[in-house]
């Protein structure tokens, strides 16, 4: 729990972190028999998870359209400053 707080990873992301660790272990060709009898999350696990999460967030921001500034309708009582 302290490592999650230290690396600014939300508690809700814990199951996703565990799933990433398990799928990574099961896709390696080495013998996995008895590997997870006892396991502690390491700094490498956290750094891999946080880098993957930041890459997903960056790609999401890149796909996002920029917002146009708010401009009231001509019939609105709110007056926009006149630029000359």
PDB file of N, CA and C in Angstrom:
ATOM      1  N   UNK A   1       0.815  -1.180   0.000  1.00  0.00           N
ATOM      2  CA  UNK A   1       0.000   0.000   0.000  1.00  0.00           C
ATOM      3  C   UNK A   1       0.868   1.257   0.000  1.00  0.00           C
ATOM      4  N   UNK A   2       1.977   1.184   0.713  1.00  0.00           N
ATOM      5  CA  UNK A   2       2.844   2.353   0.776  1.00  0.00           C
ATOM      6  C   UNK A   2       3.474   2.633  -0.584  1.00  0.00           C
ATOM      7  N   UNK A   3       3.838   1.574  -1.317  1.00  0.00           N
ATOM      8  CA  UNK A   3       4.418   1.783  -2.650  1.00  0.00           C
ATOM      9  C   UNK A   3       3.397   2.382  -3.613  1.00  0.00           C
ATOM     10  N   UNK A   4       2.148   1.968  -3.503  1.00  0.00           N
ATOM     11  CA  UNK A   4       1.111   2.544  -4.363  1.00  0.00           C
ATOM     12  C   UNK A   4       0.955   4.033  -4.085  1.00  0.00           C
ATOM     13  N   UNK A   5       0.929   4.411  -2.819  1.00  0.00           N
ATOM     14  CA  UNK A   5       0.801   5.819  -2.458  1.00  0.00           C
ATOM     15  C   UNK A   5       2.040   6.600  -2.869  1.00  0.00           C
ATOM     16  N   UNK A   6       3.193   5.995  -2.734  1.00  0.00           N
ATOM     17  CA  UNK A   6       4.446   6.667  -3.071  1.00  0.00           C
ATOM     18  C   UNK A   6       4.546   6.964  -4.566  1.00  0.00           C
ATOM     19  N   UNK A   7       3.986   6.088  -5.390  1.00  0.00           N
ATOM     20  CA  UNK A   7       4.061   6.264  -6.841  1.00  0.00           C
ATOM     21  C   UNK A   7       2.772   6.829  -7.438  1.00  0.00           C
ATOM     22  N   UNK A   8       1.890   7.337  -6.577  1.00  0.00           N
ATOM     23  CA  UNK A   8       0.645   7.994  -6.990  1.00  0.00           C
ATOM     24  C   UNK A   8      -0.225   7.086  -7.857  1.00  0.00           C
ATOM     25  N   UNK A   9      -0.360   5.841  -7.445  1.00  0.00           N
ATOM     26  CA  UNK A   9      -1.232   4.883  -8.116  1.00  0.00           C
ATOM     27  C   UNK A   9      -2.444   4.672  -7.219  1.00  0.00           C
ATOM     28  N   UNK A  10      -3.633   4.863  -7.779  1.00  0.00           N
ATOM     29  CA  UNK A  10      -4.865   4.756  -6.997  1.00  0.00           C
ATOM     30  C   UNK A  10      -5.107   3.311  -6.568  1.00  0.00           C
ATOM     31  N   UNK A  11      -5.804   3.165  -5.441  1.00  0.00           N
ATOM     32  CA  UNK A  11      -6.141   1.837  -4.935  1.00  0.00           C
ATOM     33  C   UNK A  11      -7.009   1.101  -5.957  1.00  0.00           C
ATOM     34  N   UNK A  12      -7.859   1.829  -6.675  1.00  0.00           N
ATOM     35  CA  UNK A  12      -8.727   1.213  -7.667  1.00  0.00           C
ATOM     36  C   UNK A  12      -7.943   0.599  -8.815  1.00  0.00           C
ATOM     37  N   UNK A  13      -6.707   1.029  -9.014  1.00  0.00           N
ATOM     38  CA  UNK A  13      -5.861   0.466 -10.064  1.00  0.00           C
ATOM     39  C   UNK A  13      -5.121  -0.786  -9.607  1.00  0.00           C
ATOM     40  N   UNK A  14      -5.284  -1.177  -8.356  1.00  0.00           N
ATOM     41  CA  UNK A  14      -4.624  -2.370  -7.828  1.00  0.00           C
ATOM     42  C   UNK A  14      -4.975  -3.648  -8.568  1.00  0.00           C
ATOM     43  N   UNK A  15      -6.269  -3.915  -8.822  1.00  0.00           N
ATOM     44  CA  UNK A  15      -6.600  -5.127  -9.582  1.00  0.00           C
ATOM     45  C   UNK A  15      -6.024  -5.133 -10.993  1.00  0.00           C
ATOM     46  N   UNK A  16      -5.986  -3.978 -11.645  1.00  0.00           N
ATOM     47  CA  UNK A  16      -5.397  -3.912 -12.987  1.00  0.00           C
ATOM     48  C   UNK A  16      -3.896  -4.176 -12.927  1.00  0.00           C
ATOM     49  N   UNK A  17      -3.253  -3.700 -11.873  1.00  0.00           N
ATOM     50  CA  UNK A  17      -1.823  -3.955 -11.681  1.00  0.00           C
ATOM     51  C   UNK A  17      -1.572  -5.444 -11.485  1.00  0.00           C
ATOM     52  N   UNK A  18      -2.386  -6.091 -10.668  1.00  0.00           N
ATOM     53  CA  UNK A  18      -2.235  -7.534 -10.438  1.00  0.00           C
ATOM     54  C   UNK A  18      -2.487  -8.326 -11.718  1.00  0.00           C
ATOM     55  N   UNK A  19      -3.478  -7.899 -12.498  1.00  0.00           N
ATOM     56  CA  UNK A  19      -3.758  -8.577 -13.762  1.00  0.00           C
ATOM     57  C   UNK A  19      -2.579  -8.437 -14.719  1.00  0.00           C
ATOM     58  N   UNK A  20      -1.958  -7.262 -14.751  1.00  0.00           N
ATOM     59  CA  UNK A  20      -0.794  -7.066 -15.615  1.00  0.00           C
ATOM     60  C   UNK A  20       0.367  -7.960 -15.181  1.00  0.00           C
ATOM     61  N   UNK A  21       0.562  -8.110 -13.890  1.00  0.00           N
ATOM     62  CA  UNK A  21       1.641  -8.968 -13.378  1.00  0.00           C
ATOM     63  C   UNK A  21       1.375 -10.423 -13.746  1.00  0.00           C
ATOM     64  N   UNK A  22       0.144 -10.878 -13.544  1.00  0.00           N
ATOM     65  CA  UNK A  22      -0.189 -12.271 -13.844  1.00  0.00           C
ATOM     66  C   UNK A  22      -0.109 -12.573 -15.332  1.00  0.00           C
ATOM     67  N   UNK A  23      -0.630 -11.706 -16.182  1.00  0.00           N
ATOM     68  CA  UNK A  23      -0.568 -11.967 -17.625  1.00  0.00           C
ATOM     69  C   UNK A  23       0.863 -11.905 -18.130  1.00  0.00           C
ATOM     70  N   UNK A  24       1.662 -11.034 -17.564  1.00  0.00           N
ATOM     71  CA  UNK A  24       3.074 -10.980 -17.947  1.00  0.00           C
ATOM     72  C   UNK A  24       3.809 -12.238 -17.553  1.00  0.00           C
ATOM     73  N   UNK A  25       3.471 -12.797 -16.402  1.00  0.00           N
ATOM     74  CA  UNK A  25       4.126 -14.024 -15.943  1.00  0.00           C
ATOM     75  C   UNK A  25       3.673 -15.237 -16.747  1.00  0.00           C
ATOM     76  N   UNK A  26       2.419 -15.249 -17.161  1.00  0.00           N
ATOM     77  CA  UNK A  26       1.912 -16.405 -17.892  1.00  0.00           C
ATOM     78  C   UNK A  26       2.329 -16.402 -19.361  1.00  0.00           C
ATOM     79  N   UNK A  27       2.726 -15.266 -19.900  1.00  0.00           N
ATOM     80  CA  UNK A  27       3.144 -15.210 -21.304  1.00  0.00           C
ATOM     81  C   UNK A  27       4.629 -15.500 -21.490  1.00  0.00           C
ATOM     82  N   UNK A  28       5.388 -15.535 -20.403  1.00  0.00           N
ATOM     83  CA  UNK A  28       6.809 -15.852 -20.522  1.00  0.00           C
ATOM     84  C   UNK A  28       6.974 -17.353 -20.696  1.00  0.00           C
ATOM     85  N   UNK A  29       7.939 -17.782 -21.504  1.00  0.00           N
ATOM     86  CA  UNK A  29       8.099 -19.214 -21.774  1.00  0.00           C
ATOM     87  C   UNK A  29       8.749 -20.001 -20.635  1.00  0.00           C
ATOM     88  N   UNK A  30       9.258 -19.335 -19.622  1.00  0.00           N
ATOM     89  CA  UNK A  30       9.930 -20.046 -18.535  1.00  0.00           C
ATOM     90  C   UNK A  30       8.919 -20.824 -17.699  1.00  0.00           C
ATOM     91  N   UNK A  31       9.420 -21.732 -16.884  1.00  0.00           N
ATOM     92  CA  UNK A  31       8.565 -22.576 -16.052  1.00  0.00           C
ATOM     93  C   UNK A  31       7.964 -21.729 -14.930  1.00  0.00           C
ATOM     94  N   UNK A  32       6.648 -21.656 -14.871  1.00  0.00           N
ATOM     95  CA  UNK A  32       5.961 -20.829 -13.871  1.00  0.00           C
ATOM     96  C   UNK A  32       5.391 -21.641 -12.719  1.00  0.00           C
ATOM     97  N   UNK A  33       5.753 -22.879 -12.595  1.00  0.00           N
ATOM     98  CA  UNK A  33       5.213 -23.745 -11.553  1.00  0.00           C
ATOM     99  C   UNK A  33       5.646 -23.237 -10.181  1.00  0.00           C
ATOM    100  N   UNK A  34       4.685 -22.907  -9.354  1.00  0.00           N
ATOM    101  CA  UNK A  34       4.973 -22.458  -7.999  1.00  0.00           C
ATOM    102  C   UNK A  34       5.521 -21.058  -7.899  1.00  0.00           C
ATOM    103  N   UNK A  35       5.465 -20.324  -8.945  1.00  0.00           N
ATOM    104  CA  UNK A  35       6.051 -18.983  -8.927  1.00  0.00           C
ATOM    105  C   UNK A  35       5.260 -18.033  -8.040  1.00  0.00           C
ATOM    106  N   UNK A  36       3.933 -18.190  -7.981  1.00  0.00           N
ATOM    107  CA  UNK A  36       3.111 -17.257  -7.234  1.00  0.00           C
ATOM    108  C   UNK A  36       2.585 -17.829  -5.928  1.00  0.00           C
ATOM    109  N   UNK A  37       3.331 -18.704  -5.288  1.00  0.00           N
ATOM    110  CA  UNK A  37       2.925 -19.184  -3.977  1.00  0.00           C
ATOM    111  C   UNK A  37       2.914 -18.006  -3.002  1.00  0.00           C
ATOM    112  N   UNK A  38       3.872 -17.113  -3.163  1.00  0.00           N
ATOM    113  CA  UNK A  38       3.947 -15.882  -2.394  1.00  0.00           C
ATOM    114  C   UNK A  38       4.615 -14.845  -3.281  1.00  0.00           C
ATOM    115  N   UNK A  39       4.004 -13.674  -3.398  1.00  0.00           N
ATOM    116  CA  UNK A  39       4.547 -12.662  -4.291  1.00  0.00           C
ATOM    117  C   UNK A  39       4.329 -11.289  -3.680  1.00  0.00           C
ATOM    118  N   UNK A  40       5.318 -10.443  -3.810  1.00  0.00           N
ATOM    119  CA  UNK A  40       5.222  -9.055  -3.367  1.00  0.00           C
ATOM    120  C   UNK A  40       5.434  -8.160  -4.584  1.00  0.00           C
ATOM    121  N   UNK A  41       4.650  -7.120  -4.686  1.00  0.00           N
ATOM    122  CA  UNK A  41       4.766  -6.184  -5.809  1.00  0.00           C
ATOM    123  C   UNK A  41       6.087  -5.441  -5.670  1.00  0.00           C
ATOM    124  N   UNK A  42       6.842  -5.419  -6.751  1.00  0.00           N
ATOM    125  CA  UNK A  42       8.153  -4.787  -6.725  1.00  0.00           C
ATOM    126  C   UNK A  42       8.111  -3.413  -7.377  1.00  0.00           C
ATOM    127  N   UNK A  43       9.211  -2.716  -7.263  1.00  0.00           N
ATOM    128  CA  UNK A  43       9.335  -1.395  -7.874  1.00  0.00           C
ATOM    129  C   UNK A  43       9.284  -1.504  -9.394  1.00  0.00           C
ATOM    130  N   UNK A  44       9.801  -2.589  -9.951  1.00  0.00           N
ATOM    131  CA  UNK A  44       9.737  -2.802 -11.400  1.00  0.00           C
ATOM    132  C   UNK A  44       8.301  -2.956 -11.870  1.00  0.00           C
ATOM    133  N   UNK A  45       7.489  -3.661 -11.101  1.00  0.00           N
ATOM    134  CA  UNK A  45       6.076  -3.833 -11.444  1.00  0.00           C
ATOM    135  C   UNK A  45       5.362  -2.485 -11.466  1.00  0.00           C
ATOM    136  N   UNK A  46       5.628  -1.679 -10.447  1.00  0.00           N
ATOM    137  CA  UNK A  46       4.987  -0.372 -10.361  1.00  0.00           C
ATOM    138  C   UNK A  46       5.430   0.564 -11.471  1.00  0.00           C
ATOM    139  N   UNK A  47       6.717   0.551 -11.794  1.00  0.00           N
ATOM    140  CA  UNK A  47       7.197   1.438 -12.852  1.00  0.00           C
ATOM    141  C   UNK A  47       6.662   1.022 -14.215  1.00  0.00           C
ATOM    142  N   UNK A  48       6.557  -0.284 -14.462  1.00  0.00           N
ATOM    143  CA  UNK A  48       5.990  -0.752 -15.722  1.00  0.00           C
ATOM    144  C   UNK A  48       4.520  -0.380 -15.828  1.00  0.00           C
ATOM    145  N   UNK A  49       3.783  -0.521 -14.724  1.00  0.00           N
ATOM    146  CA  UNK A  49       2.362  -0.180 -14.731  1.00  0.00           C
ATOM    147  C   UNK A  49       2.149   1.316 -14.922  1.00  0.00           C
ATOM    148  N   UNK A  50       2.926   2.133 -14.208  1.00  0.00           N
ATOM    149  CA  UNK A  50       2.736   3.581 -14.314  1.00  0.00           C
ATOM    150  C   UNK A  50       3.149   4.102 -15.686  1.00  0.00           C
ATOM    151  N   UNK A  51       4.179   3.519 -16.297  1.00  0.00           N
ATOM    152  CA  UNK A  51       4.572   3.970 -17.630  1.00  0.00           C
ATOM    153  C   UNK A  51       3.529   3.573 -18.671  1.00  0.00           C
ATOM    154  N   UNK A  52       2.936   2.386 -18.523  1.00  0.00           N
ATOM    155  CA  UNK A  52       1.874   1.970 -19.441  1.00  0.00           C
ATOM    156  C   UNK A  52       0.639   2.850 -19.259  1.00  0.00           C
ATOM    157  N   UNK A  53       0.331   3.197 -18.022  1.00  0.00           N
ATOM    158  CA  UNK A  53      -0.826   4.055 -17.757  1.00  0.00           C
ATOM    159  C   UNK A  53      -0.611   5.456 -18.308  1.00  0.00           C
ATOM    160  N   UNK A  54       0.588   6.002 -18.140  1.00  0.00           N
ATOM    161  CA  UNK A  54       0.851   7.343 -18.668  1.00  0.00           C
ATOM    162  C   UNK A  54       0.843   7.344 -20.190  1.00  0.00           C
ATOM    163  N   UNK A  55       1.287   6.259 -20.813  1.00  0.00           N
ATOM    164  CA  UNK A  55       1.238   6.176 -22.272  1.00  0.00           C
ATOM    165  C   UNK A  55      -0.202   6.144 -22.770  1.00  0.00           C
ATOM    166  N   UNK A  56      -1.079   5.422 -22.053  1.00  0.00           N
ATOM    167  CA  UNK A  56      -2.494   5.402 -22.423  1.00  0.00           C
ATOM    168  C   UNK A  56      -3.118   6.782 -22.279  1.00  0.00           C
ATOM    169  N   UNK A  57      -2.785   7.497 -21.205  1.00  0.00           N
ATOM    170  CA  UNK A  57      -3.346   8.831 -20.985  1.00  0.00           C
ATOM    171  C   UNK A  57      -2.843   9.821 -22.031  1.00  0.00           C
ATOM    172  N   UNK A  58      -1.566   9.712 -22.415  1.00  0.00           N
ATOM    173  CA  UNK A  58      -1.025  10.604 -23.440  1.00  0.00           C
ATOM    174  C   UNK A  58      -1.680  10.360 -24.789  1.00  0.00           C
ATOM    175  N   UNK A  59      -1.933   9.102 -25.129  1.00  0.00           N
ATOM    176  CA  UNK A  59      -2.581   8.815 -26.400  1.00  0.00           C
ATOM    177  C   UNK A  59      -4.033   9.294 -26.381  1.00  0.00           C
ATOM    178  N   UNK A  60      -4.664   9.209 -25.228  1.00  0.00           N
ATOM    179  CA  UNK A  60      -6.032   9.701 -25.097  1.00  0.00           C
ATOM    180  C   UNK A  60      -6.070  11.221 -25.275  1.00  0.00           C
ATOM    181  N   UNK A  61      -5.110  11.919 -24.706  1.00  0.00           N
ATOM    182  CA  UNK A  61      -5.062  13.376 -24.839  1.00  0.00           C
ATOM    183  C   UNK A  61      -4.729  13.789 -26.270  1.00  0.00           C
ATOM    184  N   UNK A  62      -3.936  13.001 -26.963  1.00  0.00           N
ATOM    185  CA  UNK A  62      -3.572  13.321 -28.338  1.00  0.00           C
ATOM    186  C   UNK A  62      -4.777  13.187 -29.267  1.00  0.00           C
ATOM    187  N   UNK A  63      -5.690  12.269 -28.966  1.00  0.00           N
ATOM    188  CA  UNK A  63      -6.872  12.074 -29.791  1.00  0.00           C
ATOM    189  C   UNK A  63      -7.966  13.088 -29.503  1.00  0.00           C
ATOM    190  N   UNK A  64      -7.873  13.774 -28.400  1.00  0.00           N
ATOM    191  CA  UNK A  64      -8.907  14.711 -27.982  1.00  0.00           C
ATOM    192  C   UNK A  64      -8.872  15.977 -28.837  1.00  0.00           C
ATOM    193  N   UNK A  65     -10.041  16.435 -29.231  1.00  0.00           N
ATOM    194  CA  UNK A  65     -10.141  17.658 -30.019  1.00  0.00           C
ATOM    195  C   UNK A  65      -9.993  18.871 -29.095  1.00  0.00           C
ATOM    196  N   UNK A  66      -9.325  19.915 -29.570  1.00  0.00           N
ATOM    197  CA  UNK A  66      -9.233  21.120 -28.738  1.00  0.00           C
ATOM    198  C   UNK A  66     -10.602  21.811 -28.663  1.00  0.00           C
ATOM    199  N   UNK A  67     -10.900  22.346 -27.529  1.00  0.00           N
ATOM    200  CA  UNK A  67     -12.181  23.022 -27.333  1.00  0.00           C
ATOM    201  C   UNK A  67     -12.104  24.455 -27.842  1.00  0.00           C
ATOM    202  N   UNK A  68     -13.203  24.869 -28.432  1.00  0.00           N
ATOM    203  CA  UNK A  68     -13.302  26.269 -28.840  1.00  0.00           C
ATOM    204  C   UNK A  68     -13.682  27.095 -27.627  1.00  0.00           C
ATOM    205  N   UNK A  69     -13.218  28.330 -27.548  1.00  0.00           N
ATOM    206  CA  UNK A  69     -13.598  29.164 -26.404  1.00  0.00           C
ATOM    207  C   UNK A  69     -15.091  29.482 -26.443  1.00  0.00           C
ATOM    208  N   UNK A  70     -15.650  29.685 -25.288  1.00  0.00           N
ATOM    209  CA  UNK A  70     -17.070  29.981 -25.169  1.00  0.00           C
ATOM    210  C   UNK A  70     -17.366  31.349 -25.762  1.00  0.00           C
ATOM    211  N   UNK A  71     -18.391  31.414 -26.571  1.00  0.00           N
ATOM    212  CA  UNK A  71     -18.841  32.681 -27.128  1.00  0.00           C
ATOM    213  C   UNK A  71     -20.362  32.696 -27.003  1.00  0.00           C
ATOM    214  N   UNK A  72     -20.914  33.701 -26.301  1.00  0.00           N
ATOM    215  CA  UNK A  72     -22.359  33.727 -26.127  1.00  0.00           C
ATOM    216  C   UNK A  72     -23.081  34.007 -27.446  1.00  0.00           C
ATOM    217  N   UNK A  73     -24.315  33.554 -27.525  1.00  0.00           N
ATOM    218  CA  UNK A  73     -25.128  33.794 -28.711  1.00  0.00           C
ATOM    219  C   UNK A  73     -25.414  35.286 -28.849  1.00  0.00           C
ATOM    220  N   UNK A  74     -25.741  35.722 -30.057  1.00  0.00           N
ATOM    221  CA  UNK A  74     -26.002  37.140 -30.313  1.00  0.00           C
ATOM    222  C   UNK A  74     -27.213  37.629 -29.535  1.00  0.00           C
ATOM    223  N   UNK A  75     -28.171  36.751 -29.264  1.00  0.00           N
ATOM    224  CA  UNK A  75     -29.368  37.151 -28.543  1.00  0.00           C
ATOM    225  C   UNK A  75     -29.181  37.112 -27.028  1.00  0.00           C
ATOM    226  N   UNK A  76     -28.024  36.721 -26.553  1.00  0.00           N
ATOM    227  CA  UNK A  76     -27.758  36.605 -25.131  1.00  0.00           C
ATOM    228  C   UNK A  76     -27.586  37.979 -24.500  1.00  0.00           C
ATOM    229  N   UNK A  77     -27.915  38.077 -23.205  1.00  0.00           N
ATOM    230  CA  UNK A  77     -27.714  39.333 -22.482  1.00  0.00           C
ATOM    231  C   UNK A  77     -26.267  39.473 -22.013  1.00  0.00           C
ATOM    232  N   UNK A  78     -25.531  38.390 -22.066  1.00  0.00           N
ATOM    233  CA  UNK A  78     -24.128  38.421 -21.709  1.00  0.00           C
ATOM    234  C   UNK A  78     -23.353  39.052 -22.855  1.00  0.00           C
ATOM    235  N   UNK A  79     -22.627  40.090 -22.587  1.00  0.00           N
ATOM    236  CA  UNK A  79     -21.919  40.829 -23.640  1.00  0.00           C
ATOM    237  C   UNK A  79     -20.450  40.419 -23.676  1.00  0.00           C
ATOM    238  N   UNK A  80     -19.999  40.093 -24.850  1.00  0.00           N
ATOM    239  CA  UNK A  80     -18.614  39.739 -25.098  1.00  0.00           C
ATOM    240  C   UNK A  80     -17.840  41.025 -25.354  1.00  0.00           C
ATOM    241  N   UNK A  81     -16.626  41.173 -24.837  1.00  0.00           N
ATOM    242  CA  UNK A  81     -15.880  42.421 -25.062  1.00  0.00           C
ATOM    243  C   UNK A  81     -15.604  42.623 -26.569  1.00  0.00           C
ATOM    244  N   UNK A  82     -15.794  43.854 -26.989  1.00  0.00           N
ATOM    245  CA  UNK A  82     -15.575  44.195 -28.394  1.00  0.00           C
ATOM    246  C   UNK A  82     -14.089  44.398 -28.655  1.00  0.00           C
ATOM    247  N   UNK A  83     -13.574  43.734 -29.671  1.00  0.00           N
ATOM    248  CA  UNK A  83     -12.162  43.855 -30.063  1.00  0.00           C
ATOM    249  C   UNK A  83     -12.113  44.653 -31.358  1.00  0.00           C
ATOM    250  N   UNK A  84     -11.325  45.683 -31.370  1.00  0.00           N
ATOM    251  CA  UNK A  84     -11.212  46.504 -32.581  1.00  0.00           C
ATOM    252  C   UNK A  84      -9.947  46.260 -33.297  1.00  0.00           C
TER     253      UNK A  84
END
